[in-house]
């Protein structure tokens, strides 16, 4: 149980790529981490955007990340993560 809790905490702090979405309660914008979504890391798929959120441009779109770790992972192979579709195709 302790191992699972430790993994959940690590996953929470490990990163994401995003397209902003307004929250229903009007509490700012949230984004979806394409890196975490690709890796099925459900603890970190959606996060709240901040002014300090790391960002990267790719094919004319801005991707936001919840950590510098996911930003670095995305930048190594952006085509792998950009608008990931479980079928293996990319959208847009």
PDB file of N, CA and C in Angstrom:
ATOM      1  N   UNK A   1       0.823  -1.188   0.000  1.00  0.00           N
ATOM      2  CA  UNK A   1       0.000   0.000   0.000  1.00  0.00           C
ATOM      3  C   UNK A   1       0.869   1.255   0.000  1.00  0.00           C
ATOM      4  N   UNK A   2       1.939   1.229   0.783  1.00  0.00           N
ATOM      5  CA  UNK A   2       2.839   2.376   0.839  1.00  0.00           C
ATOM      6  C   UNK A   2       3.513   2.596  -0.505  1.00  0.00           C
ATOM      7  N   UNK A   3       3.862   1.524  -1.194  1.00  0.00           N
ATOM      8  CA  UNK A   3       4.476   1.627  -2.512  1.00  0.00           C
ATOM      9  C   UNK A   3       3.517   2.282  -3.501  1.00  0.00           C
ATOM     10  N   UNK A   4       2.254   1.879  -3.466  1.00  0.00           N
ATOM     11  CA  UNK A   4       1.253   2.470  -4.350  1.00  0.00           C
ATOM     12  C   UNK A   4       1.105   3.959  -4.079  1.00  0.00           C
ATOM     13  N   UNK A   5       1.066   4.338  -2.813  1.00  0.00           N
ATOM     14  CA  UNK A   5       0.937   5.753  -2.455  1.00  0.00           C
ATOM     15  C   UNK A   5       2.147   6.537  -2.947  1.00  0.00           C
ATOM     16  N   UNK A   6       3.335   5.969  -2.809  1.00  0.00           N
ATOM     17  CA  UNK A   6       4.555   6.639  -3.274  1.00  0.00           C
ATOM     18  C   UNK A   6       4.535   6.806  -4.787  1.00  0.00           C
ATOM     19  N   UNK A   7       4.091   5.790  -5.519  1.00  0.00           N
ATOM     20  CA  UNK A   7       3.995   5.880  -6.974  1.00  0.00           C
ATOM     21  C   UNK A   7       2.984   6.933  -7.398  1.00  0.00           C
ATOM     22  N   UNK A   8       1.885   7.039  -6.679  1.00  0.00           N
ATOM     23  CA  UNK A   8       0.867   8.034  -6.999  1.00  0.00           C
ATOM     24  C   UNK A   8       1.415   9.450  -6.811  1.00  0.00           C
ATOM     25  N   UNK A   9       2.179   9.646  -5.742  1.00  0.00           N
ATOM     26  CA  UNK A   9       2.772  10.962  -5.498  1.00  0.00           C
ATOM     27  C   UNK A   9       3.778  11.296  -6.594  1.00  0.00           C
ATOM     28  N   UNK A  10       4.618  10.346  -6.970  1.00  0.00           N
ATOM     29  CA  UNK A  10       5.598  10.569  -8.037  1.00  0.00           C
ATOM     30  C   UNK A  10       4.879  10.885  -9.344  1.00  0.00           C
ATOM     31  N   UNK A  11       3.832  10.146  -9.661  1.00  0.00           N
ATOM     32  CA  UNK A  11       3.079  10.374 -10.889  1.00  0.00           C
ATOM     33  C   UNK A  11       2.447  11.767 -10.899  1.00  0.00           C
ATOM     34  N   UNK A  12       1.995  12.212  -9.754  1.00  0.00           N
ATOM     35  CA  UNK A  12       1.369  13.524  -9.662  1.00  0.00           C
ATOM     36  C   UNK A  12       2.340  14.639 -10.010  1.00  0.00           C
ATOM     37  N   UNK A  13       3.609  14.467  -9.683  1.00  0.00           N
ATOM     38  CA  UNK A  13       4.600  15.497  -9.925  1.00  0.00           C
ATOM     39  C   UNK A  13       5.399  15.299 -11.205  1.00  0.00           C
ATOM     40  N   UNK A  14       5.026  14.347 -12.056  1.00  0.00           N
ATOM     41  CA  UNK A  14       5.866  14.012 -13.211  1.00  0.00           C
ATOM     42  C   UNK A  14       5.417  14.551 -14.565  1.00  0.00           C
ATOM     43  N   UNK A  15       4.451  15.334 -14.739  1.00  0.00           N
ATOM     44  CA  UNK A  15       4.344  16.032 -15.992  1.00  0.00           C
ATOM     45  C   UNK A  15       3.190  15.866 -16.935  1.00  0.00           C
ATOM     46  N   UNK A  16       3.040  16.815 -17.907  1.00  0.00           N
ATOM     47  CA  UNK A  16       1.927  16.793 -18.841  1.00  0.00           C
ATOM     48  C   UNK A  16       1.993  17.800 -19.990  1.00  0.00           C
ATOM     49  N   UNK A  17       1.361  17.471 -21.105  1.00  0.00           N
ATOM     50  CA  UNK A  17       1.199  18.376 -22.253  1.00  0.00           C
ATOM     51  C   UNK A  17      -0.279  18.684 -22.445  1.00  0.00           C
ATOM     52  N   UNK A  18      -0.635  19.871 -22.929  1.00  0.00           N
ATOM     53  CA  UNK A  18      -2.003  20.348 -22.783  1.00  0.00           C
ATOM     54  C   UNK A  18      -2.640  21.173 -23.889  1.00  0.00           C
ATOM     55  N   UNK A  19      -3.934  21.098 -23.981  1.00  0.00           N
ATOM     56  CA  UNK A  19      -4.763  22.063 -24.701  1.00  0.00           C
ATOM     57  C   UNK A  19      -5.728  22.628 -23.674  1.00  0.00           C
ATOM     58  N   UNK A  20      -5.704  23.936 -23.410  1.00  0.00           N
ATOM     59  CA  UNK A  20      -6.507  24.516 -22.330  1.00  0.00           C
ATOM     60  C   UNK A  20      -8.006  24.299 -22.509  1.00  0.00           C
ATOM     61  N   UNK A  21      -8.682  24.031 -21.409  1.00  0.00           N
ATOM     62  CA  UNK A  21     -10.128  23.888 -21.367  1.00  0.00           C
ATOM     63  C   UNK A  21     -10.629  24.676 -20.161  1.00  0.00           C
ATOM     64  N   UNK A  22     -11.694  25.464 -20.309  1.00  0.00           N
ATOM     65  CA  UNK A  22     -12.226  26.169 -19.146  1.00  0.00           C
ATOM     66  C   UNK A  22     -12.864  25.171 -18.184  1.00  0.00           C
ATOM     67  N   UNK A  23     -12.755  25.450 -16.887  1.00  0.00           N
ATOM     68  CA  UNK A  23     -13.406  24.584 -15.914  1.00  0.00           C
ATOM     69  C   UNK A  23     -14.859  24.974 -15.782  1.00  0.00           C
ATOM     70  N   UNK A  24     -15.695  24.045 -15.410  1.00  0.00           N
ATOM     71  CA  UNK A  24     -17.122  24.304 -15.284  1.00  0.00           C
ATOM     72  C   UNK A  24     -17.407  25.341 -14.199  1.00  0.00           C
ATOM     73  N   UNK A  25     -16.627  25.336 -13.129  1.00  0.00           N
ATOM     74  CA  UNK A  25     -16.863  26.245 -12.016  1.00  0.00           C
ATOM     75  C   UNK A  25     -16.222  27.607 -12.242  1.00  0.00           C
ATOM     76  N   UNK A  26     -15.561  27.808 -13.382  1.00  0.00           N
ATOM     77  CA  UNK A  26     -14.933  29.088 -13.668  1.00  0.00           C
ATOM     78  C   UNK A  26     -13.659  29.311 -12.870  1.00  0.00           C
ATOM     79  N   UNK A  27     -13.055  28.264 -12.364  1.00  0.00           N
ATOM     80  CA  UNK A  27     -11.863  28.378 -11.531  1.00  0.00           C
ATOM     81  C   UNK A  27     -10.581  28.342 -12.333  1.00  0.00           C
ATOM     82  N   UNK A  28     -10.542  28.932 -13.509  1.00  0.00           N
ATOM     83  CA  UNK A  28      -9.338  28.908 -14.328  1.00  0.00           C
ATOM     84  C   UNK A  28      -9.461  27.890 -15.442  1.00  0.00           C
ATOM     85  N   UNK A  29      -8.333  27.591 -16.065  1.00  0.00           N
ATOM     86  CA  UNK A  29      -8.329  26.634 -17.166  1.00  0.00           C
ATOM     87  C   UNK A  29      -7.585  25.377 -16.754  1.00  0.00           C
ATOM     88  N   UNK A  30      -8.005  24.285 -17.353  1.00  0.00           N
ATOM     89  CA  UNK A  30      -7.301  23.025 -17.153  1.00  0.00           C
ATOM     90  C   UNK A  30      -6.752  22.570 -18.490  1.00  0.00           C
ATOM     91  N   UNK A  31      -5.777  21.694 -18.443  1.00  0.00           N
ATOM     92  CA  UNK A  31      -5.201  21.137 -19.648  1.00  0.00           C
ATOM     93  C   UNK A  31      -5.107  19.630 -19.541  1.00  0.00           C
ATOM     94  N   UNK A  32      -4.938  18.997 -20.670  1.00  0.00           N
ATOM     95  CA  UNK A  32      -4.780  17.546 -20.719  1.00  0.00           C
ATOM     96  C   UNK A  32      -3.351  17.231 -21.111  1.00  0.00           C
ATOM     97  N   UNK A  33      -2.688  16.436 -20.315  1.00  0.00           N
ATOM     98  CA  UNK A  33      -1.303  16.071 -20.579  1.00  0.00           C
ATOM     99  C   UNK A  33      -1.258  14.948 -21.612  1.00  0.00           C
ATOM    100  N   UNK A  34      -0.763  15.269 -22.792  1.00  0.00           N
ATOM    101  CA  UNK A  34      -0.667  14.259 -23.844  1.00  0.00           C
ATOM    102  C   UNK A  34       0.379  13.199 -23.505  1.00  0.00           C
ATOM    103  N   UNK A  35       1.442  13.576 -22.805  1.00  0.00           N
ATOM    104  CA  UNK A  35       2.478  12.606 -22.415  1.00  0.00           C
ATOM    105  C   UNK A  35       1.896  11.616 -21.419  1.00  0.00           C
ATOM    106  N   UNK A  36       1.228  12.121 -20.391  1.00  0.00           N
ATOM    107  CA  UNK A  36       0.634  11.234 -19.391  1.00  0.00           C
ATOM    108  C   UNK A  36      -0.521  10.421 -19.972  1.00  0.00           C
ATOM    109  N   UNK A  37      -1.292  11.035 -20.864  1.00  0.00           N
ATOM    110  CA  UNK A  37      -2.382  10.293 -21.504  1.00  0.00           C
ATOM    111  C   UNK A  37      -1.821   9.141 -22.331  1.00  0.00           C
ATOM    112  N   UNK A  38      -0.754   9.401 -23.064  1.00  0.00           N
ATOM    113  CA  UNK A  38      -0.106   8.365 -23.863  1.00  0.00           C
ATOM    114  C   UNK A  38       0.390   7.227 -22.965  1.00  0.00           C
ATOM    115  N   UNK A  39       0.928   7.601 -21.799  1.00  0.00           N
ATOM    116  CA  UNK A  39       1.475   6.615 -20.859  1.00  0.00           C
ATOM    117  C   UNK A  39       0.420   6.044 -19.910  1.00  0.00           C
ATOM    118  N   UNK A  40      -0.850   6.398 -20.119  1.00  0.00           N
ATOM    119  CA  UNK A  40      -1.946   5.940 -19.260  1.00  0.00           C
ATOM    120  C   UNK A  40      -1.715   6.289 -17.799  1.00  0.00           C
ATOM    121  N   UNK A  41      -1.132   7.446 -17.543  1.00  0.00           N
ATOM    122  CA  UNK A  41      -0.899   7.936 -16.185  1.00  0.00           C
ATOM    123  C   UNK A  41      -2.102   8.771 -15.780  1.00  0.00           C
ATOM    124  N   UNK A  42      -3.129   8.121 -15.272  1.00  0.00           N
ATOM    125  CA  UNK A  42      -4.395   8.783 -14.995  1.00  0.00           C
ATOM    126  C   UNK A  42      -4.314   9.794 -13.859  1.00  0.00           C
ATOM    127  N   UNK A  43      -3.294   9.700 -13.017  1.00  0.00           N
ATOM    128  CA  UNK A  43      -3.142  10.643 -11.911  1.00  0.00           C
ATOM    129  C   UNK A  43      -2.781  12.030 -12.410  1.00  0.00           C
ATOM    130  N   UNK A  44      -2.262  12.135 -13.620  1.00  0.00           N
ATOM    131  CA  UNK A  44      -1.732  13.405 -14.092  1.00  0.00           C
ATOM    132  C   UNK A  44      -2.280  13.816 -15.462  1.00  0.00           C
ATOM    133  N   UNK A  45      -3.294  13.182 -15.945  1.00  0.00           N
ATOM    134  CA  UNK A  45      -3.793  13.496 -17.283  1.00  0.00           C
ATOM    135  C   UNK A  45      -4.352  14.915 -17.349  1.00  0.00           C
ATOM    136  N   UNK A  46      -5.102  15.344 -16.358  1.00  0.00           N
ATOM    137  CA  UNK A  46      -5.674  16.687 -16.364  1.00  0.00           C
ATOM    138  C   UNK A  46      -5.096  17.498 -15.211  1.00  0.00           C
ATOM    139  N   UNK A  47      -4.729  18.741 -15.513  1.00  0.00           N
ATOM    140  CA  UNK A  47      -4.163  19.602 -14.479  1.00  0.00           C
ATOM    141  C   UNK A  47      -4.600  21.040 -14.705  1.00  0.00           C
ATOM    142  N   UNK A  48      -4.479  21.855 -13.676  1.00  0.00           N
ATOM    143  CA  UNK A  48      -4.847  23.271 -13.748  1.00  0.00           C
ATOM    144  C   UNK A  48      -3.661  24.072 -14.260  1.00  0.00           C
ATOM    145  N   UNK A  49      -3.907  24.909 -15.259  1.00  0.00           N
ATOM    146  CA  UNK A  49      -2.862  25.745 -15.838  1.00  0.00           C
ATOM    147  C   UNK A  49      -2.527  26.903 -14.901  1.00  0.00           C
ATOM    148  N   UNK A  50      -1.250  27.230 -14.848  1.00  0.00           N
ATOM    149  CA  UNK A  50      -0.763  28.350 -14.046  1.00  0.00           C
ATOM    150  C   UNK A  50       0.075  29.241 -14.944  1.00  0.00           C
ATOM    151  N   UNK A  51       0.417  30.414 -14.459  1.00  0.00           N
ATOM    152  CA  UNK A  51       1.270  31.308 -15.229  1.00  0.00           C
ATOM    153  C   UNK A  51       2.666  30.707 -15.415  1.00  0.00           C
ATOM    154  N   UNK A  52       3.080  29.845 -14.506  1.00  0.00           N
ATOM    155  CA  UNK A  52       4.412  29.238 -14.553  1.00  0.00           C
ATOM    156  C   UNK A  52       4.438  27.896 -15.280  1.00  0.00           C
ATOM    157  N   UNK A  53       3.320  27.502 -15.880  1.00  0.00           N
ATOM    158  CA  UNK A  53       3.251  26.225 -16.592  1.00  0.00           C
ATOM    159  C   UNK A  53       4.240  26.210 -17.755  1.00  0.00           C
ATOM    160  N   UNK A  54       5.131  25.192 -17.830  1.00  0.00           N
ATOM    161  CA  UNK A  54       6.060  25.099 -18.976  1.00  0.00           C
ATOM    162  C   UNK A  54       5.295  24.916 -20.279  1.00  0.00           C
ATOM    163  N   UNK A  55       5.815  25.530 -21.372  1.00  0.00           N
ATOM    164  CA  UNK A  55       5.138  25.488 -22.677  1.00  0.00           C
ATOM    165  C   UNK A  55       6.122  25.186 -23.797  1.00  0.00           C
ATOM    166  N   UNK A  56       5.606  24.566 -24.860  1.00  0.00           N
ATOM    167  CA  UNK A  56       6.386  24.263 -26.063  1.00  0.00           C
ATOM    168  C   UNK A  56       5.500  24.455 -27.287  1.00  0.00           C
ATOM    169  N   UNK A  57       6.064  25.026 -28.336  1.00  0.00           N
ATOM    170  CA  UNK A  57       5.359  25.167 -29.611  1.00  0.00           C
ATOM    171  C   UNK A  57       5.699  23.959 -30.485  1.00  0.00           C
ATOM    172  N   UNK A  58       4.683  23.406 -31.153  1.00  0.00           N
ATOM    173  CA  UNK A  58       4.897  22.298 -32.080  1.00  0.00           C
ATOM    174  C   UNK A  58       3.848  22.393 -33.177  1.00  0.00           C
ATOM    175  N   UNK A  59       4.274  22.489 -34.419  1.00  0.00           N
ATOM    176  CA  UNK A  59       3.390  22.600 -35.580  1.00  0.00           C
ATOM    177  C   UNK A  59       2.328  23.680 -35.384  1.00  0.00           C
ATOM    178  N   UNK A  60       2.759  24.837 -34.889  1.00  0.00           N
ATOM    179  CA  UNK A  60       1.866  25.976 -34.746  1.00  0.00           C
ATOM    180  C   UNK A  60       0.930  25.935 -33.557  1.00  0.00           C
ATOM    181  N   UNK A  61       1.035  24.935 -32.720  1.00  0.00           N
ATOM    182  CA  UNK A  61       0.191  24.835 -31.537  1.00  0.00           C
ATOM    183  C   UNK A  61       1.056  24.900 -30.290  1.00  0.00           C
ATOM    184  N   UNK A  62       0.494  25.458 -29.237  1.00  0.00           N
ATOM    185  CA  UNK A  62       1.196  25.528 -27.971  1.00  0.00           C
ATOM    186  C   UNK A  62       0.748  24.374 -27.087  1.00  0.00           C
ATOM    187  N   UNK A  63       1.705  23.630 -26.570  1.00  0.00           N
ATOM    188  CA  UNK A  63       1.448  22.537 -25.632  1.00  0.00           C
ATOM    189  C   UNK A  63       1.958  22.980 -24.273  1.00  0.00           C
ATOM    190  N   UNK A  64       1.112  22.812 -23.273  1.00  0.00           N
ATOM    191  CA  UNK A  64       1.478  23.158 -21.907  1.00  0.00           C
ATOM    192  C   UNK A  64       1.715  21.880 -21.119  1.00  0.00           C
ATOM    193  N   UNK A  65       2.603  21.968 -20.141  1.00  0.00           N
ATOM    194  CA  UNK A  65       3.010  20.789 -19.363  1.00  0.00           C
ATOM    195  C   UNK A  65       2.911  21.085 -17.877  1.00  0.00           C
ATOM    196  N   UNK A  66       2.564  20.097 -17.105  1.00  0.00           N
ATOM    197  CA  UNK A  66       2.491  20.304 -15.666  1.00  0.00           C
ATOM    198  C   UNK A  66       3.857  20.137 -15.006  1.00  0.00           C
ATOM    199  N   UNK A  67       4.859  19.724 -15.758  1.00  0.00           N
ATOM    200  CA  UNK A  67       6.215  19.647 -15.208  1.00  0.00           C
ATOM    201  C   UNK A  67       7.235  19.791 -16.328  1.00  0.00           C
ATOM    202  N   UNK A  68       8.429  20.158 -15.946  1.00  0.00           N
ATOM    203  CA  UNK A  68       9.524  20.258 -16.915  1.00  0.00           C
ATOM    204  C   UNK A  68       9.927  18.868 -17.407  1.00  0.00           C
ATOM    205  N   UNK A  69       9.681  17.860 -16.604  1.00  0.00           N
ATOM    206  CA  UNK A  69       9.993  16.485 -16.991  1.00  0.00           C
ATOM    207  C   UNK A  69       9.169  16.055 -18.212  1.00  0.00           C
ATOM    208  N   UNK A  70       7.867  16.306 -18.178  1.00  0.00           N
ATOM    209  CA  UNK A  70       7.022  15.951 -19.323  1.00  0.00           C
ATOM    210  C   UNK A  70       7.332  16.848 -20.513  1.00  0.00           C
ATOM    211  N   UNK A  71       7.673  18.094 -20.261  1.00  0.00           N
ATOM    212  CA  UNK A  71       8.054  18.989 -21.347  1.00  0.00           C
ATOM    213  C   UNK A  71       9.280  18.429 -22.065  1.00  0.00           C
ATOM    214  N   UNK A  72      10.275  17.998 -21.311  1.00  0.00           N
ATOM    215  CA  UNK A  72      11.491  17.433 -21.905  1.00  0.00           C
ATOM    216  C   UNK A  72      11.182  16.142 -22.664  1.00  0.00           C
ATOM    217  N   UNK A  73      10.314  15.309 -22.108  1.00  0.00           N
ATOM    218  CA  UNK A  73       9.930  14.059 -22.774  1.00  0.00           C
ATOM    219  C   UNK A  73       9.237  14.363 -24.100  1.00  0.00           C
ATOM    220  N   UNK A  74       8.317  15.305 -24.096  1.00  0.00           N
ATOM    221  CA  UNK A  74       7.600  15.706 -25.307  1.00  0.00           C
ATOM    222  C   UNK A  74       8.567  16.250 -26.352  1.00  0.00           C
ATOM    223  N   UNK A  75       9.489  17.102 -25.934  1.00  0.00           N
ATOM    224  CA  UNK A  75      10.415  17.740 -26.869  1.00  0.00           C
ATOM    225  C   UNK A  75      11.377  16.750 -27.528  1.00  0.00           C
ATOM    226  N   UNK A  76      11.629  15.618 -26.893  1.00  0.00           N
ATOM    227  CA  UNK A  76      12.489  14.592 -27.489  1.00  0.00           C
ATOM    228  C   UNK A  76      11.803  13.907 -28.670  1.00  0.00           C
ATOM    229  N   UNK A  77      10.471  13.797 -28.631  1.00  0.00           N
ATOM    230  CA  UNK A  77       9.728  13.114 -29.689  1.00  0.00           C
ATOM    231  C   UNK A  77       8.290  13.638 -29.734  1.00  0.00           C
ATOM    232  N   UNK A  78       8.094  14.892 -30.152  1.00  0.00           N
ATOM    233  CA  UNK A  78       6.755  15.484 -30.089  1.00  0.00           C
ATOM    234  C   UNK A  78       5.701  14.761 -30.922  1.00  0.00           C
ATOM    235  N   UNK A  79       6.070  14.202 -32.052  1.00  0.00           N
ATOM    236  CA  UNK A  79       5.088  13.506 -32.900  1.00  0.00           C
ATOM    237  C   UNK A  79       4.471  12.312 -32.173  1.00  0.00           C
ATOM    238  N   UNK A  80       5.204  11.728 -31.267  1.00  0.00           N
ATOM    239  CA  UNK A  80       4.711  10.579 -30.513  1.00  0.00           C
ATOM    240  C   UNK A  80       3.554  10.978 -29.587  1.00  0.00           C
ATOM    241  N   UNK A  81       3.610  12.183 -29.048  1.00  0.00           N
ATOM    242  CA  UNK A  81       2.648  12.603 -28.028  1.00  0.00           C
ATOM    243  C   UNK A  81       1.607  13.612 -28.492  1.00  0.00           C
ATOM    244  N   UNK A  82       1.875  14.369 -29.530  1.00  0.00           N
ATOM    245  CA  UNK A  82       0.963  15.430 -29.954  1.00  0.00           C
ATOM    246  C   UNK A  82      -0.386  14.862 -30.366  1.00  0.00           C
ATOM    247  N   UNK A  83      -1.416  15.276 -29.668  1.00  0.00           N
ATOM    248  CA  UNK A  83      -2.789  14.847 -29.966  1.00  0.00           C
ATOM    249  C   UNK A  83      -2.880  13.344 -30.151  1.00  0.00           C
ATOM    250  N   UNK A  84      -2.369  12.627 -29.181  1.00  0.00           N
ATOM    251  CA  UNK A  84      -2.341  11.164 -29.236  1.00  0.00           C
ATOM    252  C   UNK A  84      -3.743  10.576 -29.358  1.00  0.00           C
ATOM    253  N   UNK A  85      -3.844   9.624 -30.246  1.00  0.00           N
ATOM    254  CA  UNK A  85      -5.068   8.854 -30.451  1.00  0.00           C
ATOM    255  C   UNK A  85      -4.708   7.407 -30.147  1.00  0.00           C
ATOM    256  N   UNK A  86      -5.477   6.702 -29.298  1.00  0.00           N
ATOM    257  CA  UNK A  86      -5.156   5.320 -28.949  1.00  0.00           C
ATOM    258  C   UNK A  86      -4.976   4.395 -30.163  1.00  0.00           C
ATOM    259  N   UNK A  87      -5.535   4.754 -31.319  1.00  0.00           N
ATOM    260  CA  UNK A  87      -5.399   3.927 -32.511  1.00  0.00           C
ATOM    261  C   UNK A  87      -4.012   4.060 -33.138  1.00  0.00           C
ATOM    262  N   UNK A  88      -3.228   5.048 -32.642  1.00  0.00           N
ATOM    263  CA  UNK A  88      -1.900   5.262 -33.188  1.00  0.00           C
ATOM    264  C   UNK A  88      -1.848   6.442 -34.146  1.00  0.00           C
ATOM    265  N   UNK A  89      -3.004   6.959 -34.542  1.00  0.00           N
ATOM    266  CA  UNK A  89      -3.060   8.104 -35.429  1.00  0.00           C
ATOM    267  C   UNK A  89      -2.952   9.396 -34.612  1.00  0.00           C
ATOM    268  N   UNK A  90      -2.651  10.486 -35.282  1.00  0.00           N
ATOM    269  CA  UNK A  90      -2.692  11.776 -34.605  1.00  0.00           C
ATOM    270  C   UNK A  90      -3.865  12.557 -35.156  1.00  0.00           C
ATOM    271  N   UNK A  91      -4.464  13.354 -34.300  1.00  0.00           N
ATOM    272  CA  UNK A  91      -5.601  14.156 -34.736  1.00  0.00           C
ATOM    273  C   UNK A  91      -5.119  15.528 -35.136  1.00  0.00           C
ATOM    274  N   UNK A  92      -5.915  16.237 -35.915  1.00  0.00           N
ATOM    275  CA  UNK A  92      -5.653  17.595 -36.420  1.00  0.00           C
ATOM    276  C   UNK A  92      -4.665  17.583 -37.513  1.00  0.00           C
TER     277      UNK A  92
END
